[in-house]
N, C-alpha and C. Protein backbone atom coordinates (compact mmCIF):
# COMPACT_ATOMS: atom_id res chain seq x y z
N MET A 1 -17.01 -23.88 -34.35
CA MET A 1 -16.44 -24.55 -33.21
C MET A 1 -17.47 -24.64 -32.08
N PHE A 2 -18.22 -23.55 -31.88
CA PHE A 2 -19.26 -23.54 -30.85
C PHE A 2 -20.26 -24.67 -31.09
N GLU A 3 -20.71 -24.80 -32.33
CA GLU A 3 -21.70 -25.83 -32.66
C GLU A 3 -21.12 -27.23 -32.46
N PHE A 4 -19.87 -27.42 -32.85
CA PHE A 4 -19.21 -28.72 -32.67
C PHE A 4 -19.15 -29.08 -31.18
N CYS A 5 -18.73 -28.12 -30.36
CA CYS A 5 -18.61 -28.38 -28.92
C CYS A 5 -19.96 -28.69 -28.29
N GLU A 6 -20.99 -27.92 -28.67
CA GLU A 6 -22.32 -28.17 -28.12
C GLU A 6 -22.84 -29.56 -28.46
N LYS A 7 -22.57 -30.01 -29.68
CA LYS A 7 -23.07 -31.31 -30.13
C LYS A 7 -22.28 -32.48 -29.55
N ASN A 8 -20.96 -32.32 -29.44
CA ASN A 8 -20.10 -33.46 -29.13
C ASN A 8 -19.59 -33.54 -27.68
N ILE A 9 -19.72 -32.49 -26.92
CA ILE A 9 -19.21 -32.51 -25.54
C ILE A 9 -20.40 -32.39 -24.59
N ARG A 10 -20.62 -33.41 -23.81
CA ARG A 10 -21.75 -33.45 -22.89
C ARG A 10 -21.31 -32.99 -21.49
N GLY A 11 -22.25 -32.42 -20.75
CA GLY A 11 -21.99 -32.04 -19.36
C GLY A 11 -21.43 -30.63 -19.19
N ILE A 12 -21.18 -29.94 -20.28
CA ILE A 12 -20.67 -28.57 -20.22
C ILE A 12 -21.63 -27.68 -20.99
N ARG A 13 -22.01 -26.55 -20.37
CA ARG A 13 -22.87 -25.58 -21.05
C ARG A 13 -21.97 -24.54 -21.71
N PHE A 14 -22.05 -24.41 -23.01
CA PHE A 14 -21.23 -23.46 -23.76
C PHE A 14 -22.02 -22.19 -24.04
N VAL A 15 -21.33 -21.07 -24.06
CA VAL A 15 -21.95 -19.78 -24.35
C VAL A 15 -21.22 -19.17 -25.54
N TYR A 16 -21.98 -18.71 -26.51
CA TYR A 16 -21.39 -18.09 -27.70
C TYR A 16 -21.29 -16.58 -27.48
N ILE A 17 -20.09 -16.06 -27.68
CA ILE A 17 -19.85 -14.62 -27.53
C ILE A 17 -19.36 -14.09 -28.85
N THR A 18 -20.03 -13.05 -29.33
CA THR A 18 -19.67 -12.47 -30.63
C THR A 18 -18.46 -11.56 -30.49
N ALA A 19 -17.83 -11.27 -31.61
CA ALA A 19 -16.67 -10.36 -31.63
C ALA A 19 -17.09 -8.97 -31.16
N SER A 20 -18.29 -8.53 -31.52
CA SER A 20 -18.75 -7.20 -31.11
C SER A 20 -18.97 -7.14 -29.59
N GLN A 21 -19.41 -8.26 -28.98
CA GLN A 21 -19.57 -8.29 -27.52
C GLN A 21 -18.21 -8.19 -26.82
N VAL A 22 -17.21 -8.86 -27.38
CA VAL A 22 -15.86 -8.80 -26.82
C VAL A 22 -15.32 -7.37 -26.92
N THR A 23 -15.50 -6.74 -28.07
CA THR A 23 -15.04 -5.36 -28.28
C THR A 23 -15.75 -4.40 -27.34
N GLU A 24 -17.05 -4.57 -27.18
CA GLU A 24 -17.84 -3.72 -26.29
C GLU A 24 -17.39 -3.87 -24.84
N THR A 25 -17.17 -5.09 -24.40
CA THR A 25 -16.71 -5.34 -23.03
C THR A 25 -15.31 -4.78 -22.82
N LYS A 26 -14.44 -4.96 -23.80
CA LYS A 26 -13.08 -4.43 -23.71
C LYS A 26 -13.10 -2.91 -23.56
N SER A 27 -13.93 -2.25 -24.34
CA SER A 27 -14.07 -0.79 -24.27
C SER A 27 -14.60 -0.35 -22.90
N PHE A 28 -15.60 -1.06 -22.40
CA PHE A 28 -16.18 -0.75 -21.09
C PHE A 28 -15.12 -0.88 -19.99
N LEU A 29 -14.37 -1.98 -20.01
CA LEU A 29 -13.35 -2.21 -18.98
C LEU A 29 -12.21 -1.20 -19.06
N LYS A 30 -11.85 -0.80 -20.28
CA LYS A 30 -10.80 0.21 -20.45
C LYS A 30 -11.24 1.54 -19.84
N THR A 31 -12.48 1.94 -20.11
CA THR A 31 -13.03 3.18 -19.55
C THR A 31 -13.06 3.09 -18.03
N ARG A 32 -13.50 1.96 -17.52
CA ARG A 32 -13.57 1.76 -16.08
C ARG A 32 -12.19 1.84 -15.44
N PHE A 33 -11.19 1.24 -16.08
CA PHE A 33 -9.82 1.26 -15.58
C PHE A 33 -9.25 2.69 -15.57
N LEU A 34 -9.50 3.44 -16.65
CA LEU A 34 -8.97 4.80 -16.75
C LEU A 34 -9.57 5.73 -15.70
N ASN A 35 -10.78 5.46 -15.26
CA ASN A 35 -11.45 6.30 -14.27
C ASN A 35 -11.27 5.80 -12.84
N ALA A 36 -10.51 4.73 -12.67
CA ALA A 36 -10.35 4.12 -11.35
C ALA A 36 -9.33 4.88 -10.50
N PHE A 37 -9.47 4.75 -9.20
CA PHE A 37 -8.53 5.32 -8.24
C PHE A 37 -7.74 4.18 -7.61
N THR A 38 -6.50 4.45 -7.26
CA THR A 38 -5.70 3.46 -6.53
C THR A 38 -5.73 3.82 -5.05
N ILE A 39 -5.35 2.89 -4.24
CA ILE A 39 -5.26 3.13 -2.80
C ILE A 39 -3.80 3.33 -2.46
N SER A 40 -3.43 4.56 -2.17
CA SER A 40 -2.03 4.88 -1.87
C SER A 40 -1.51 4.06 -0.71
N GLY A 41 -0.30 3.58 -0.87
CA GLY A 41 0.35 2.85 0.20
C GLY A 41 -0.08 1.41 0.36
N SER A 42 -0.81 0.87 -0.60
CA SER A 42 -1.31 -0.50 -0.46
C SER A 42 -0.64 -1.47 -1.42
N ARG A 43 0.49 -1.11 -1.96
CA ARG A 43 1.17 -1.94 -2.96
C ARG A 43 1.49 -3.34 -2.43
N ASN A 44 1.88 -3.46 -1.17
CA ASN A 44 2.26 -4.76 -0.62
C ASN A 44 1.10 -5.50 0.05
N PHE A 45 -0.10 -4.95 -0.03
CA PHE A 45 -1.25 -5.59 0.58
C PHE A 45 -1.86 -6.58 -0.40
N ASN A 46 -2.55 -7.61 0.12
CA ASN A 46 -3.11 -8.57 -0.82
C ASN A 46 -4.56 -8.96 -0.54
N GLN A 47 -5.22 -8.32 0.42
CA GLN A 47 -6.64 -8.61 0.62
C GLN A 47 -7.41 -7.30 0.68
N PHE A 48 -8.36 -7.14 -0.22
CA PHE A 48 -9.21 -5.96 -0.32
C PHE A 48 -10.66 -6.43 -0.33
N ASP A 49 -11.41 -6.12 0.73
CA ASP A 49 -12.82 -6.51 0.82
C ASP A 49 -13.67 -5.26 0.99
N PRO A 50 -14.32 -4.79 -0.08
CA PRO A 50 -15.12 -3.56 0.03
C PRO A 50 -16.22 -3.67 1.09
N LEU A 51 -16.33 -2.63 1.92
CA LEU A 51 -17.42 -2.56 2.89
C LEU A 51 -18.68 -2.02 2.22
N ASP A 52 -18.48 -1.05 1.32
CA ASP A 52 -19.57 -0.46 0.55
C ASP A 52 -18.95 0.18 -0.69
N ASN A 53 -19.67 1.08 -1.34
CA ASN A 53 -19.16 1.68 -2.58
C ASN A 53 -17.99 2.63 -2.37
N LEU A 54 -17.76 3.09 -1.14
CA LEU A 54 -16.71 4.09 -0.90
C LEU A 54 -15.59 3.63 0.03
N ARG A 55 -15.79 2.59 0.81
CA ARG A 55 -14.79 2.18 1.80
C ARG A 55 -14.26 0.79 1.50
N ILE A 56 -12.92 0.69 1.50
CA ILE A 56 -12.26 -0.60 1.25
C ILE A 56 -11.23 -0.85 2.34
N PRO A 57 -11.48 -1.84 3.21
CA PRO A 57 -10.45 -2.22 4.17
C PRO A 57 -9.44 -3.15 3.51
N THR A 58 -8.19 -3.04 3.94
CA THR A 58 -7.14 -3.88 3.37
C THR A 58 -6.36 -4.57 4.48
N LYS A 59 -5.82 -5.73 4.14
CA LYS A 59 -4.95 -6.48 5.05
C LYS A 59 -3.64 -6.76 4.33
N ARG A 60 -2.58 -6.86 5.09
CA ARG A 60 -1.28 -7.19 4.48
C ARG A 60 -1.28 -8.61 3.96
N CYS A 61 -1.96 -9.49 4.65
CA CYS A 61 -1.99 -10.90 4.31
C CYS A 61 -3.41 -11.41 4.52
N SER A 62 -3.86 -12.31 3.69
CA SER A 62 -5.22 -12.83 3.80
C SER A 62 -5.51 -13.45 5.16
N GLU A 63 -4.49 -14.00 5.79
CA GLU A 63 -4.67 -14.67 7.08
C GLU A 63 -4.68 -13.71 8.27
N ASP A 64 -4.33 -12.44 8.05
CA ASP A 64 -4.32 -11.47 9.15
C ASP A 64 -5.71 -11.30 9.74
N ASP A 65 -5.78 -11.22 11.06
CA ASP A 65 -7.05 -10.95 11.73
C ASP A 65 -7.34 -9.45 11.73
N GLU A 66 -6.29 -8.66 11.72
CA GLU A 66 -6.42 -7.22 11.85
C GLU A 66 -6.39 -6.51 10.51
N ILE A 67 -7.28 -5.54 10.34
CA ILE A 67 -7.29 -4.71 9.13
C ILE A 67 -6.19 -3.67 9.28
N ALA A 68 -5.33 -3.54 8.29
CA ALA A 68 -4.20 -2.61 8.34
C ALA A 68 -4.61 -1.19 7.95
N LEU A 69 -5.57 -1.06 7.05
CA LEU A 69 -5.94 0.26 6.52
C LEU A 69 -7.36 0.19 5.98
N ILE A 70 -8.16 1.22 6.26
CA ILE A 70 -9.47 1.36 5.59
C ILE A 70 -9.39 2.64 4.79
N HIS A 71 -9.48 2.51 3.48
CA HIS A 71 -9.43 3.67 2.60
C HIS A 71 -10.85 4.10 2.29
N ASN A 72 -11.12 5.41 2.42
CA ASN A 72 -12.44 5.96 2.14
C ASN A 72 -12.33 6.86 0.91
N PHE A 73 -12.87 6.40 -0.22
CA PHE A 73 -12.81 7.18 -1.45
C PHE A 73 -13.70 8.42 -1.38
N GLY A 74 -14.65 8.46 -0.46
CA GLY A 74 -15.56 9.60 -0.35
C GLY A 74 -15.09 10.65 0.63
N SER A 75 -13.97 10.40 1.30
CA SER A 75 -13.47 11.32 2.31
C SER A 75 -12.96 12.61 1.69
N ASN A 76 -13.31 13.72 2.32
CA ASN A 76 -12.80 15.02 1.89
C ASN A 76 -11.66 15.47 2.78
N ALA A 77 -11.19 14.59 3.65
CA ALA A 77 -10.10 14.94 4.56
C ALA A 77 -8.83 15.21 3.76
N ILE A 78 -8.14 16.24 4.16
CA ILE A 78 -6.88 16.60 3.50
C ILE A 78 -5.74 16.16 4.41
N GLU A 79 -4.88 15.32 3.89
CA GLU A 79 -3.73 14.86 4.66
C GLU A 79 -2.62 15.90 4.59
N ALA A 80 -1.93 16.08 5.71
CA ALA A 80 -0.80 16.99 5.73
C ALA A 80 0.31 16.41 4.87
N GLU A 81 0.87 17.23 4.02
CA GLU A 81 1.95 16.79 3.14
C GLU A 81 3.27 16.91 3.90
N ILE A 82 3.98 15.82 4.04
CA ILE A 82 5.29 15.83 4.70
C ILE A 82 6.34 15.83 3.61
N ASP A 83 7.32 16.73 3.73
CA ASP A 83 8.39 16.83 2.74
C ASP A 83 9.34 15.65 2.93
N VAL A 84 9.16 14.63 2.12
CA VAL A 84 9.92 13.39 2.25
C VAL A 84 11.15 13.45 1.36
N LEU A 85 12.32 13.38 1.98
CA LEU A 85 13.59 13.42 1.24
C LEU A 85 14.51 12.31 1.74
N PRO A 86 15.31 11.73 0.84
CA PRO A 86 16.26 10.69 1.28
C PRO A 86 17.22 11.23 2.33
N PHE A 87 17.60 10.37 3.25
CA PHE A 87 18.58 10.63 4.31
C PHE A 87 18.07 11.57 5.40
N LYS A 88 16.78 11.86 5.41
CA LYS A 88 16.18 12.60 6.52
C LYS A 88 15.70 11.58 7.54
N HIS A 89 15.73 11.97 8.80
CA HIS A 89 15.25 11.09 9.86
C HIS A 89 13.78 11.36 10.12
N ALA A 90 13.05 10.32 10.50
CA ALA A 90 11.62 10.46 10.73
C ALA A 90 11.17 9.49 11.81
N CYS A 91 10.06 9.83 12.41
CA CYS A 91 9.39 8.94 13.34
C CYS A 91 8.29 8.24 12.55
N CYS A 92 8.23 6.93 12.63
CA CYS A 92 7.30 6.15 11.82
C CYS A 92 6.53 5.17 12.69
N MET A 93 5.31 4.87 12.26
CA MET A 93 4.52 3.82 12.88
C MET A 93 4.55 2.65 11.91
N TYR A 94 5.13 1.52 12.32
CA TYR A 94 5.26 0.35 11.46
C TYR A 94 4.86 -0.88 12.23
N GLU A 95 3.88 -1.61 11.72
CA GLU A 95 3.34 -2.80 12.38
C GLU A 95 3.00 -2.51 13.84
N HIS A 96 2.33 -1.37 14.06
CA HIS A 96 1.81 -0.93 15.36
C HIS A 96 2.90 -0.62 16.37
N LEU A 97 4.12 -0.35 15.91
CA LEU A 97 5.22 0.01 16.79
C LEU A 97 5.84 1.32 16.31
N TRP A 98 6.32 2.15 17.24
CA TRP A 98 6.99 3.40 16.90
C TRP A 98 8.46 3.14 16.61
N TRP A 99 8.96 3.74 15.54
CA TRP A 99 10.35 3.57 15.14
C TRP A 99 10.94 4.93 14.76
N ILE A 100 12.24 5.07 14.96
CA ILE A 100 13.00 6.18 14.39
C ILE A 100 13.81 5.59 13.26
N GLY A 101 13.83 6.27 12.14
CA GLY A 101 14.56 5.73 11.00
C GLY A 101 15.04 6.81 10.05
N MET A 102 15.87 6.39 9.11
CA MET A 102 16.37 7.29 8.09
C MET A 102 15.82 6.81 6.74
N MET A 103 15.20 7.73 6.01
CA MET A 103 14.62 7.39 4.72
C MET A 103 15.72 7.12 3.71
N GLN A 104 15.64 6.00 3.01
CA GLN A 104 16.65 5.59 2.05
C GLN A 104 16.21 5.83 0.61
N ASP A 105 15.00 5.40 0.29
CA ASP A 105 14.50 5.47 -1.09
C ASP A 105 13.02 5.80 -1.04
N ILE A 106 12.58 6.69 -1.92
CA ILE A 106 11.18 7.11 -1.96
C ILE A 106 10.60 6.73 -3.31
N LYS A 107 9.51 5.98 -3.30
CA LYS A 107 8.80 5.61 -4.52
C LYS A 107 7.44 6.29 -4.48
N ARG A 108 7.37 7.51 -4.98
CA ARG A 108 6.14 8.30 -4.89
C ARG A 108 4.99 7.68 -5.67
N GLU A 109 5.29 7.01 -6.80
CA GLU A 109 4.22 6.40 -7.60
C GLU A 109 3.48 5.34 -6.79
N GLU A 110 4.20 4.57 -5.98
CA GLU A 110 3.60 3.52 -5.17
C GLU A 110 3.28 4.00 -3.76
N ALA A 111 3.67 5.24 -3.43
CA ALA A 111 3.50 5.81 -2.09
C ALA A 111 4.20 4.96 -1.03
N ASP A 112 5.41 4.49 -1.35
CA ASP A 112 6.21 3.68 -0.43
C ASP A 112 7.54 4.37 -0.15
N ILE A 113 8.08 4.11 1.04
CA ILE A 113 9.37 4.64 1.44
C ILE A 113 10.20 3.47 1.96
N ALA A 114 11.46 3.37 1.52
CA ALA A 114 12.38 2.40 2.10
C ALA A 114 13.09 3.11 3.25
N VAL A 115 13.02 2.54 4.43
CA VAL A 115 13.56 3.17 5.63
C VAL A 115 14.51 2.22 6.34
N LYS A 116 15.59 2.78 6.85
CA LYS A 116 16.49 2.01 7.72
C LYS A 116 16.09 2.39 9.14
N PHE A 117 15.47 1.44 9.85
CA PHE A 117 15.00 1.69 11.21
C PHE A 117 16.13 1.48 12.20
N MET A 118 16.17 2.35 13.22
CA MET A 118 17.12 2.19 14.31
C MET A 118 16.47 1.28 15.35
N HIS A 119 17.29 0.46 15.99
CA HIS A 119 16.77 -0.47 16.99
C HIS A 119 17.24 -0.05 18.37
N PRO A 120 16.44 -0.27 19.38
CA PRO A 120 15.13 -0.91 19.39
C PRO A 120 14.03 0.07 18.99
N HIS A 121 12.82 -0.43 18.83
CA HIS A 121 11.68 0.45 18.56
C HIS A 121 11.25 1.10 19.87
N GLY A 122 10.48 2.17 19.76
CA GLY A 122 9.97 2.85 20.96
C GLY A 122 11.02 3.71 21.62
N LEU A 123 10.81 3.99 22.91
CA LEU A 123 11.73 4.84 23.67
C LEU A 123 12.97 4.07 24.07
N SER A 124 14.11 4.75 24.00
CA SER A 124 15.37 4.12 24.40
C SER A 124 16.41 5.19 24.64
N ALA A 125 17.39 4.89 25.49
CA ALA A 125 18.49 5.82 25.74
C ALA A 125 19.47 5.82 24.58
N SER A 126 19.56 4.71 23.85
CA SER A 126 20.45 4.64 22.70
C SER A 126 19.85 3.72 21.64
N PHE A 127 20.30 3.91 20.42
CA PHE A 127 19.80 3.15 19.29
C PHE A 127 20.97 2.64 18.46
N LYS A 128 20.76 1.58 17.69
CA LYS A 128 21.79 1.08 16.78
C LYS A 128 21.16 0.77 15.43
N TRP A 129 21.99 0.74 14.41
CA TRP A 129 21.51 0.45 13.06
C TRP A 129 21.43 -1.06 12.85
N PRO A 130 20.36 -1.53 12.24
CA PRO A 130 20.21 -2.97 11.96
C PRO A 130 20.94 -3.35 10.69
N SER A 131 20.90 -4.65 10.38
CA SER A 131 21.58 -5.14 9.18
C SER A 131 20.71 -5.03 7.93
N ARG A 132 19.40 -4.80 8.07
CA ARG A 132 18.54 -4.74 6.88
C ARG A 132 17.61 -3.53 6.94
N ASP A 133 17.11 -3.13 5.78
CA ASP A 133 16.16 -2.02 5.67
C ASP A 133 14.75 -2.57 5.56
N ALA A 134 13.78 -1.70 5.73
CA ALA A 134 12.37 -2.09 5.58
C ALA A 134 11.68 -1.08 4.68
N ALA A 135 10.71 -1.53 3.90
CA ALA A 135 9.90 -0.63 3.07
C ALA A 135 8.50 -0.62 3.67
N PHE A 136 7.89 0.57 3.70
CA PHE A 136 6.54 0.66 4.24
C PHE A 136 5.78 1.77 3.54
N PRO A 137 4.45 1.75 3.62
CA PRO A 137 3.63 2.78 2.97
C PRO A 137 3.83 4.15 3.60
N MET A 138 3.76 5.21 2.79
CA MET A 138 4.00 6.57 3.27
C MET A 138 3.04 6.99 4.38
N TYR A 139 1.82 6.44 4.40
CA TYR A 139 0.87 6.88 5.41
C TYR A 139 1.33 6.51 6.82
N HIS A 140 2.35 5.63 6.97
CA HIS A 140 2.88 5.29 8.29
C HIS A 140 3.85 6.36 8.80
N LEU A 141 4.31 7.24 7.92
CA LEU A 141 5.24 8.29 8.31
C LEU A 141 4.51 9.29 9.19
N GLN A 142 5.02 9.55 10.38
CA GLN A 142 4.33 10.42 11.33
C GLN A 142 4.90 11.84 11.32
N ILE A 143 6.22 11.97 11.46
CA ILE A 143 6.82 13.30 11.56
C ILE A 143 8.31 13.21 11.22
N LEU A 144 8.83 14.27 10.63
CA LEU A 144 10.27 14.34 10.37
C LEU A 144 10.97 14.83 11.63
N ILE A 145 12.20 14.39 11.82
CA ILE A 145 12.98 14.79 12.98
C ILE A 145 14.11 15.69 12.50
N GLU A 146 14.16 16.89 13.03
CA GLU A 146 15.22 17.82 12.65
C GLU A 146 16.56 17.28 13.13
N HIS A 147 17.59 17.44 12.33
CA HIS A 147 18.90 16.85 12.61
C HIS A 147 19.49 17.34 13.93
N THR A 148 19.38 18.64 14.24
CA THR A 148 19.98 19.16 15.47
C THR A 148 19.30 18.58 16.70
N ILE A 149 17.99 18.45 16.67
CA ILE A 149 17.26 17.84 17.79
C ILE A 149 17.66 16.38 17.92
N TYR A 150 17.76 15.73 16.79
CA TYR A 150 18.10 14.31 16.73
C TYR A 150 19.46 14.06 17.38
N GLN A 151 20.48 14.90 17.05
CA GLN A 151 21.83 14.70 17.60
C GLN A 151 21.86 14.92 19.10
N LYS A 152 21.12 15.91 19.60
CA LYS A 152 21.11 16.20 21.03
C LYS A 152 20.38 15.12 21.82
N ALA A 153 19.33 14.57 21.25
CA ALA A 153 18.47 13.65 22.00
C ALA A 153 18.94 12.20 21.97
N MET A 154 19.70 11.81 20.98
CA MET A 154 20.06 10.40 20.81
C MET A 154 21.57 10.19 20.88
N SER A 155 21.95 9.04 21.38
CA SER A 155 23.34 8.62 21.22
C SER A 155 23.31 7.42 20.30
N ILE A 156 24.03 7.50 19.20
CA ILE A 156 23.99 6.46 18.17
C ILE A 156 25.24 5.60 18.26
N LYS A 157 25.04 4.31 18.22
CA LYS A 157 26.19 3.38 18.24
C LYS A 157 26.53 2.96 16.84
């Protein structure tokens, strides 16, 4: 087929690849995939532009001007582990705004949490529950709010 295409089709340069080359490349890519690291909390992101061999900035959308997260694979920093449980209240940073919310669903494999945010965001004398939930990466979770403190400090409608 390669010879036929080379002889009969003009304007296209054809390259012949042997079965052993395909097998070798497949093996190489499989090894590379098995040794790869994922970027926690970036499941909903769609633009990844490596700065160098260790740092990858990500954006939620290709058109965004602002970088949402820069992951450093070479970092030795240890993140504090927050005990994330459904129906606990937490303070979260989401799209550069502070929110109080209740965790609904936790997807540890994707490092995402579905949260029902109370409105309005930021400081307020009272909060109300919205009609929809939001999912966001775990790295936006700032601190858990103890229930007794929460009841004393907030009036919920």
